[in-house]
Amino acid sequence: MIEMENKTDLTIDEEILYKILDFLSVSKDIEMIVVDTAQMQEINKLHRNIDKPTDVLSFPYENMPLSPLGSIVLCADIIIQKALEFNHSNQDETTLLFTHALLHLLGYDHEVDNGEMRAKEKEIIEHFNLPKSLIVRSEQ
C-alpha cells in the first residue's frame, strides 16, 4: 500500500505505481510525500547536508516485520519542470522518479553497484513503456 501525503497541487495517478510494486513483488507499505521546492531543499539539507532541492529522495526503514519499506519524497516543482524539459507527462516523470526511489528502498545503489540498478530500471521502463529519460539523465 502507498500512503500518500501530497502537500502540493500535483495530480498523481497511483494505479501505475501499484503495478510497479506488483511487478517487483513489493509487499511492504511505502510512504510517499510530495512537496514543493522549498520543502525539498529543507529536507535535502537536513538529511544530506546539501543546501539545494532535488527531484526525489528515498529513506529506507529498518527491515523489521510489519514495518514499512520506507519513504519516498518527491518534489512537485521539479517533476513539472523535468516533464516539460523531456516532453512527457507529469505522471510519467512521477512514475520514473518513484521507480528510481523504490529501487533504492529495495537495496539497489547505482553509485556502487555494477549496473544492476540501471538494468532493473531499464527492465521496468521497457515493461511499462515509460519514457527512457531517467536512464539518459543518469548516464550523463
N, C-alpha and C. Protein backbone atom coordinates (compact mmCIF):
# COMPACT_ATOMS: atom_id res chain seq x y z
N MET A 1 0.84 -1.18 0.00
CA MET A 1 0.00 0.00 0.00
C MET A 1 0.88 1.25 0.00
N ILE A 2 0.45 2.24 -0.72
CA ILE A 2 1.15 3.53 -0.74
C ILE A 2 0.37 4.50 0.13
N GLU A 3 1.02 4.99 1.14
CA GLU A 3 0.42 6.02 1.98
C GLU A 3 0.87 7.37 1.43
N MET A 4 -0.03 8.06 0.74
CA MET A 4 0.31 9.29 0.05
C MET A 4 -0.01 10.51 0.89
N GLU A 5 0.96 11.41 0.97
CA GLU A 5 0.74 12.72 1.57
C GLU A 5 1.20 13.74 0.54
N ASN A 6 0.25 14.31 -0.18
CA ASN A 6 0.56 15.26 -1.23
C ASN A 6 0.31 16.67 -0.71
N LYS A 7 1.39 17.41 -0.50
CA LYS A 7 1.31 18.77 0.03
C LYS A 7 1.29 19.81 -1.09
N THR A 8 1.00 19.37 -2.32
CA THR A 8 1.01 20.25 -3.48
C THR A 8 -0.26 20.04 -4.30
N ASP A 9 -0.34 20.75 -5.42
CA ASP A 9 -1.47 20.59 -6.33
C ASP A 9 -1.21 19.55 -7.42
N LEU A 10 -0.04 18.93 -7.42
CA LEU A 10 0.30 17.94 -8.44
C LEU A 10 -0.65 16.75 -8.34
N THR A 11 -1.25 16.39 -9.47
CA THR A 11 -2.16 15.25 -9.52
C THR A 11 -1.34 13.99 -9.83
N ILE A 12 -1.54 12.95 -9.03
CA ILE A 12 -0.81 11.70 -9.22
C ILE A 12 -1.81 10.55 -9.29
N ASP A 13 -1.70 9.77 -10.36
CA ASP A 13 -2.50 8.55 -10.51
C ASP A 13 -1.66 7.41 -9.95
N GLU A 14 -2.10 6.82 -8.87
CA GLU A 14 -1.33 5.79 -8.19
C GLU A 14 -1.42 4.41 -8.86
N GLU A 15 -2.30 4.25 -9.83
CA GLU A 15 -2.52 2.93 -10.44
C GLU A 15 -1.22 2.33 -10.99
N ILE A 16 -0.47 3.09 -11.76
CA ILE A 16 0.78 2.55 -12.33
C ILE A 16 1.81 2.29 -11.24
N LEU A 17 1.80 3.09 -10.19
CA LEU A 17 2.74 2.89 -9.09
C LEU A 17 2.46 1.54 -8.42
N TYR A 18 1.19 1.21 -8.26
CA TYR A 18 0.82 -0.09 -7.69
C TYR A 18 1.22 -1.23 -8.62
N LYS A 19 1.09 -1.01 -9.92
CA LYS A 19 1.51 -2.04 -10.88
C LYS A 19 3.01 -2.31 -10.78
N ILE A 20 3.78 -1.25 -10.57
CA ILE A 20 5.23 -1.42 -10.41
C ILE A 20 5.54 -2.17 -9.12
N LEU A 21 4.83 -1.84 -8.05
CA LEU A 21 5.00 -2.59 -6.79
C LEU A 21 4.70 -4.07 -7.01
N ASP A 22 3.62 -4.37 -7.72
CA ASP A 22 3.28 -5.77 -8.01
C ASP A 22 4.35 -6.43 -8.87
N PHE A 23 4.82 -5.72 -9.90
CA PHE A 23 5.84 -6.25 -10.80
C PHE A 23 7.11 -6.64 -10.03
N LEU A 24 7.45 -5.85 -9.02
CA LEU A 24 8.64 -6.10 -8.21
C LEU A 24 8.34 -6.95 -6.97
N SER A 25 7.11 -7.40 -6.84
CA SER A 25 6.68 -8.22 -5.70
C SER A 25 6.94 -7.54 -4.36
N VAL A 26 6.68 -6.25 -4.32
CA VAL A 26 6.84 -5.50 -3.07
C VAL A 26 5.57 -5.65 -2.25
N SER A 27 5.71 -6.19 -1.05
CA SER A 27 4.54 -6.42 -0.21
C SER A 27 4.48 -5.46 0.98
N LYS A 28 5.54 -4.71 1.20
CA LYS A 28 5.57 -3.77 2.33
C LYS A 28 4.97 -2.43 1.91
N ASP A 29 4.47 -1.70 2.89
CA ASP A 29 3.92 -0.37 2.63
C ASP A 29 5.03 0.62 2.27
N ILE A 30 4.64 1.63 1.53
CA ILE A 30 5.55 2.72 1.14
C ILE A 30 4.88 4.02 1.54
N GLU A 31 5.63 4.90 2.15
CA GLU A 31 5.14 6.25 2.42
C GLU A 31 5.63 7.13 1.28
N MET A 32 4.74 7.89 0.66
CA MET A 32 5.13 8.79 -0.42
C MET A 32 4.64 10.19 -0.08
N ILE A 33 5.59 11.12 -0.07
CA ILE A 33 5.29 12.50 0.27
C ILE A 33 5.68 13.38 -0.92
N VAL A 34 4.78 14.26 -1.31
CA VAL A 34 5.03 15.18 -2.42
C VAL A 34 5.09 16.58 -1.84
N VAL A 35 6.21 17.26 -2.10
CA VAL A 35 6.47 18.57 -1.50
C VAL A 35 6.83 19.58 -2.59
N ASP A 36 6.94 20.85 -2.18
CA ASP A 36 7.39 21.90 -3.10
C ASP A 36 8.90 22.06 -2.99
N THR A 37 9.45 22.96 -3.77
CA THR A 37 10.90 23.14 -3.84
C THR A 37 11.49 23.53 -2.49
N ALA A 38 10.86 24.47 -1.80
CA ALA A 38 11.40 24.93 -0.51
C ALA A 38 11.44 23.80 0.51
N GLN A 39 10.38 23.01 0.55
CA GLN A 39 10.35 21.88 1.49
C GLN A 39 11.40 20.84 1.13
N MET A 40 11.56 20.57 -0.17
CA MET A 40 12.56 19.59 -0.60
C MET A 40 13.97 20.07 -0.27
N GLN A 41 14.24 21.33 -0.46
CA GLN A 41 15.56 21.87 -0.12
C GLN A 41 15.83 21.71 1.37
N GLU A 42 14.83 21.97 2.18
CA GLU A 42 14.97 21.83 3.63
C GLU A 42 15.26 20.37 4.02
N ILE A 43 14.54 19.43 3.41
CA ILE A 43 14.74 18.01 3.69
C ILE A 43 16.12 17.56 3.22
N ASN A 44 16.53 18.01 2.04
CA ASN A 44 17.83 17.63 1.49
C ASN A 44 18.96 18.17 2.36
N LYS A 45 18.81 19.40 2.84
CA LYS A 45 19.83 19.99 3.71
C LYS A 45 19.90 19.25 5.05
N LEU A 46 18.76 18.95 5.60
CA LEU A 46 18.71 18.29 6.90
C LEU A 46 19.29 16.87 6.85
N HIS A 47 18.96 16.12 5.81
CA HIS A 47 19.33 14.70 5.78
C HIS A 47 20.58 14.38 4.97
N ARG A 48 20.97 15.28 4.05
CA ARG A 48 22.13 15.01 3.22
C ARG A 48 23.17 16.12 3.26
N ASN A 49 22.86 17.18 4.01
CA ASN A 49 23.74 18.34 4.13
C ASN A 49 24.02 18.97 2.75
N ILE A 50 23.02 18.91 1.87
CA ILE A 50 23.10 19.54 0.56
C ILE A 50 22.02 20.62 0.51
N ASP A 51 22.43 21.87 0.42
CA ASP A 51 21.52 23.00 0.54
C ASP A 51 20.95 23.41 -0.82
N LYS A 52 20.25 22.47 -1.45
CA LYS A 52 19.53 22.75 -2.70
C LYS A 52 18.46 21.69 -2.86
N PRO A 53 17.43 21.99 -3.63
CA PRO A 53 16.38 20.99 -3.84
C PRO A 53 16.86 19.89 -4.77
N THR A 54 16.20 18.78 -4.73
CA THR A 54 16.45 17.66 -5.62
C THR A 54 15.11 17.08 -6.06
N ASP A 55 15.11 16.24 -7.05
CA ASP A 55 13.85 15.71 -7.57
C ASP A 55 13.21 14.66 -6.68
N VAL A 56 14.04 13.78 -6.09
CA VAL A 56 13.49 12.69 -5.29
C VAL A 56 14.50 12.25 -4.24
N LEU A 57 14.00 11.86 -3.10
CA LEU A 57 14.82 11.28 -2.04
C LEU A 57 14.12 10.01 -1.56
N SER A 58 14.92 9.05 -1.14
CA SER A 58 14.36 7.83 -0.56
C SER A 58 14.99 7.58 0.79
N PHE A 59 14.17 7.12 1.71
CA PHE A 59 14.61 6.84 3.07
C PHE A 59 14.16 5.44 3.45
N PRO A 60 15.05 4.45 3.31
CA PRO A 60 14.68 3.09 3.71
C PRO A 60 14.52 2.99 5.22
N TYR A 61 13.55 2.17 5.63
CA TYR A 61 13.35 1.92 7.05
C TYR A 61 14.09 0.64 7.43
N GLU A 62 14.30 0.48 8.71
CA GLU A 62 14.93 -0.75 9.19
C GLU A 62 14.03 -1.93 8.84
N ASN A 63 14.63 -2.98 8.34
CA ASN A 63 13.86 -4.16 7.90
C ASN A 63 13.41 -4.96 9.11
N MET A 64 12.18 -4.72 9.51
CA MET A 64 11.57 -5.43 10.63
C MET A 64 10.20 -5.92 10.19
N PRO A 65 9.70 -7.00 10.77
CA PRO A 65 8.36 -7.46 10.42
C PRO A 65 7.33 -6.34 10.64
N LEU A 66 6.43 -6.21 9.69
CA LEU A 66 5.33 -5.25 9.74
C LEU A 66 5.75 -3.79 9.56
N SER A 67 7.03 -3.53 9.42
CA SER A 67 7.44 -2.13 9.20
C SER A 67 7.32 -1.79 7.72
N PRO A 68 7.05 -0.51 7.41
CA PRO A 68 7.04 -0.10 6.00
C PRO A 68 8.42 -0.27 5.38
N LEU A 69 8.46 -0.34 4.07
CA LEU A 69 9.74 -0.44 3.36
C LEU A 69 10.53 0.86 3.50
N GLY A 70 9.83 1.99 3.43
CA GLY A 70 10.49 3.27 3.56
C GLY A 70 9.64 4.41 3.04
N SER A 71 10.29 5.58 2.95
CA SER A 71 9.63 6.79 2.48
C SER A 71 10.26 7.27 1.18
N ILE A 72 9.42 7.78 0.31
CA ILE A 72 9.85 8.42 -0.92
C ILE A 72 9.33 9.85 -0.88
N VAL A 73 10.23 10.81 -1.08
CA VAL A 73 9.84 12.22 -1.11
C VAL A 73 10.09 12.74 -2.53
N LEU A 74 9.04 13.28 -3.13
CA LEU A 74 9.10 13.80 -4.50
C LEU A 74 8.90 15.31 -4.48
N CYS A 75 9.59 16.02 -5.35
CA CYS A 75 9.43 17.46 -5.47
C CYS A 75 8.54 17.77 -6.67
N ALA A 76 7.34 18.25 -6.42
CA ALA A 76 6.36 18.52 -7.48
C ALA A 76 6.89 19.54 -8.48
N ASP A 77 7.53 20.60 -8.01
CA ASP A 77 8.02 21.64 -8.92
C ASP A 77 9.05 21.10 -9.90
N ILE A 78 9.94 20.25 -9.43
CA ILE A 78 10.96 19.67 -10.31
C ILE A 78 10.32 18.65 -11.25
N ILE A 79 9.33 17.92 -10.78
CA ILE A 79 8.61 16.98 -11.64
C ILE A 79 8.01 17.73 -12.82
N ILE A 80 7.35 18.82 -12.55
CA ILE A 80 6.72 19.62 -13.62
C ILE A 80 7.77 20.16 -14.57
N GLN A 81 8.86 20.68 -14.02
CA GLN A 81 9.95 21.24 -14.84
C GLN A 81 10.57 20.17 -15.73
N LYS A 82 10.89 19.02 -15.17
CA LYS A 82 11.54 17.95 -15.94
C LYS A 82 10.59 17.34 -16.97
N ALA A 83 9.32 17.24 -16.64
CA ALA A 83 8.35 16.72 -17.61
C ALA A 83 8.30 17.63 -18.84
N LEU A 84 8.31 18.92 -18.62
CA LEU A 84 8.35 19.87 -19.75
C LEU A 84 9.66 19.74 -20.52
N GLU A 85 10.77 19.68 -19.80
CA GLU A 85 12.09 19.59 -20.42
C GLU A 85 12.22 18.33 -21.30
N PHE A 86 11.70 17.20 -20.82
CA PHE A 86 11.84 15.93 -21.53
C PHE A 86 10.60 15.59 -22.37
N ASN A 87 9.65 16.52 -22.42
CA ASN A 87 8.48 16.39 -23.28
C ASN A 87 7.66 15.13 -23.00
N HIS A 88 7.39 14.90 -21.72
CA HIS A 88 6.46 13.84 -21.35
C HIS A 88 5.57 14.35 -20.22
N SER A 89 4.66 13.54 -19.77
CA SER A 89 3.67 13.99 -18.78
C SER A 89 4.26 14.06 -17.37
N ASN A 90 3.57 14.83 -16.53
CA ASN A 90 3.94 14.86 -15.11
C ASN A 90 3.82 13.47 -14.49
N GLN A 91 2.81 12.72 -14.93
CA GLN A 91 2.64 11.36 -14.41
C GLN A 91 3.82 10.47 -14.80
N ASP A 92 4.29 10.59 -16.04
CA ASP A 92 5.46 9.79 -16.46
C ASP A 92 6.68 10.15 -15.61
N GLU A 93 6.89 11.43 -15.39
CA GLU A 93 8.04 11.85 -14.59
C GLU A 93 7.91 11.35 -13.16
N THR A 94 6.72 11.46 -12.60
CA THR A 94 6.47 10.95 -11.24
C THR A 94 6.76 9.45 -11.18
N THR A 95 6.31 8.72 -12.18
CA THR A 95 6.49 7.27 -12.21
C THR A 95 7.97 6.90 -12.33
N LEU A 96 8.70 7.63 -13.16
CA LEU A 96 10.15 7.39 -13.29
C LEU A 96 10.87 7.63 -11.97
N LEU A 97 10.55 8.72 -11.31
CA LEU A 97 11.21 9.03 -10.04
C LEU A 97 10.80 8.06 -8.94
N PHE A 98 9.54 7.68 -8.92
CA PHE A 98 9.07 6.68 -7.96
C PHE A 98 9.83 5.37 -8.14
N THR A 99 9.98 4.96 -9.40
CA THR A 99 10.70 3.72 -9.70
C THR A 99 12.14 3.79 -9.22
N HIS A 100 12.80 4.89 -9.50
CA HIS A 100 14.19 5.08 -9.07
C HIS A 100 14.30 4.99 -7.54
N ALA A 101 13.44 5.72 -6.86
CA ALA A 101 13.48 5.73 -5.39
C ALA A 101 13.11 4.36 -4.82
N LEU A 102 12.13 3.70 -5.42
CA LEU A 102 11.72 2.38 -4.95
C LEU A 102 12.88 1.39 -5.03
N LEU A 103 13.63 1.44 -6.12
CA LEU A 103 14.78 0.54 -6.24
C LEU A 103 15.81 0.82 -5.15
N HIS A 104 15.99 2.09 -4.80
CA HIS A 104 16.88 2.40 -3.68
C HIS A 104 16.34 1.78 -2.38
N LEU A 105 15.03 1.89 -2.17
CA LEU A 105 14.45 1.29 -0.96
C LEU A 105 14.64 -0.22 -0.93
N LEU A 106 14.69 -0.82 -2.11
CA LEU A 106 14.88 -2.27 -2.20
C LEU A 106 16.35 -2.69 -2.11
N GLY A 107 17.24 -1.70 -1.93
CA GLY A 107 18.64 -2.02 -1.72
C GLY A 107 19.56 -1.79 -2.90
N TYR A 108 19.02 -1.38 -4.03
CA TYR A 108 19.86 -1.08 -5.19
C TYR A 108 20.58 0.25 -4.96
N ASP A 109 21.79 0.35 -5.49
CA ASP A 109 22.55 1.61 -5.36
C ASP A 109 23.45 1.78 -6.58
N HIS A 110 23.01 2.63 -7.52
CA HIS A 110 23.73 2.84 -8.77
C HIS A 110 25.11 3.45 -8.57
N GLU A 111 25.36 4.03 -7.41
CA GLU A 111 26.66 4.66 -7.16
C GLU A 111 27.75 3.64 -6.83
N VAL A 112 27.34 2.43 -6.42
CA VAL A 112 28.35 1.44 -6.03
C VAL A 112 28.17 0.08 -6.70
N ASP A 113 27.03 -0.14 -7.37
CA ASP A 113 26.83 -1.46 -7.98
C ASP A 113 27.49 -1.54 -9.36
N ASN A 114 27.37 -2.64 -9.99
CA ASN A 114 27.96 -2.86 -11.31
C ASN A 114 26.92 -2.78 -12.41
N GLY A 115 25.98 -1.84 -12.27
CA GLY A 115 24.96 -1.65 -13.28
C GLY A 115 23.66 -2.38 -13.02
N GLU A 116 23.55 -3.05 -11.87
CA GLU A 116 22.34 -3.81 -11.57
C GLU A 116 21.11 -2.90 -11.47
N MET A 117 21.28 -1.73 -10.82
CA MET A 117 20.13 -0.83 -10.68
C MET A 117 19.71 -0.29 -12.03
N ARG A 118 20.67 0.09 -12.85
CA ARG A 118 20.35 0.60 -14.19
C ARG A 118 19.62 -0.47 -15.01
N ALA A 119 20.07 -1.71 -14.90
CA ALA A 119 19.43 -2.80 -15.64
C ALA A 119 17.99 -3.01 -15.16
N LYS A 120 17.77 -2.94 -13.86
CA LYS A 120 16.42 -3.12 -13.31
C LYS A 120 15.52 -1.95 -13.71
N GLU A 121 16.06 -0.73 -13.68
CA GLU A 121 15.29 0.44 -14.14
C GLU A 121 14.89 0.26 -15.60
N LYS A 122 15.83 -0.15 -16.41
CA LYS A 122 15.56 -0.33 -17.83
C LYS A 122 14.47 -1.38 -18.04
N GLU A 123 14.54 -2.47 -17.29
CA GLU A 123 13.53 -3.53 -17.38
C GLU A 123 12.13 -2.98 -17.06
N ILE A 124 12.04 -2.20 -16.00
CA ILE A 124 10.74 -1.63 -15.59
C ILE A 124 10.26 -0.62 -16.62
N ILE A 125 11.15 0.25 -17.07
CA ILE A 125 10.79 1.27 -18.05
C ILE A 125 10.28 0.62 -19.34
N GLU A 126 10.94 -0.41 -19.79
CA GLU A 126 10.52 -1.09 -21.01
C GLU A 126 9.22 -1.86 -20.80
N HIS A 127 9.08 -2.52 -19.65
CA HIS A 127 7.87 -3.29 -19.37
C HIS A 127 6.63 -2.40 -19.33
N PHE A 128 6.76 -1.22 -18.74
CA PHE A 128 5.62 -0.31 -18.59
C PHE A 128 5.58 0.77 -19.67
N ASN A 129 6.46 0.65 -20.66
CA ASN A 129 6.50 1.59 -21.78
C ASN A 129 6.61 3.04 -21.30
N LEU A 130 7.54 3.27 -20.39
CA LEU A 130 7.78 4.61 -19.86
C LEU A 130 8.85 5.31 -20.68
N PRO A 131 8.90 6.62 -20.61
CA PRO A 131 9.96 7.34 -21.33
C PRO A 131 11.34 6.91 -20.84
N LYS A 132 12.30 6.95 -21.71
CA LYS A 132 13.65 6.50 -21.38
C LYS A 132 14.49 7.59 -20.70
N SER A 133 13.91 8.73 -20.44
CA SER A 133 14.70 9.88 -20.00
C SER A 133 15.42 9.67 -18.67
N LEU A 134 14.91 8.87 -17.77
CA LEU A 134 15.58 8.67 -16.48
C LEU A 134 16.94 8.04 -16.69
N ILE A 135 17.01 7.03 -17.53
CA ILE A 135 18.28 6.38 -17.80
C ILE A 135 19.23 7.35 -18.51
N VAL A 136 18.70 8.09 -19.46
CA VAL A 136 19.53 9.06 -20.18
C VAL A 136 20.11 10.10 -19.23
N ARG A 137 19.27 10.64 -18.35
CA ARG A 137 19.73 11.64 -17.37
C ARG A 137 20.81 11.07 -16.47
N SER A 138 20.60 9.84 -16.02
CA SER A 138 21.51 9.23 -15.06
C SER A 138 22.87 8.91 -15.68
N GLU A 139 22.91 8.69 -16.96
CA GLU A 139 24.16 8.33 -17.62
C GLU A 139 24.96 9.55 -18.08
N GLN A 140 24.35 10.72 -17.99
CA GLN A 140 25.05 11.94 -18.44
C GLN A 140 25.98 12.47 -17.38
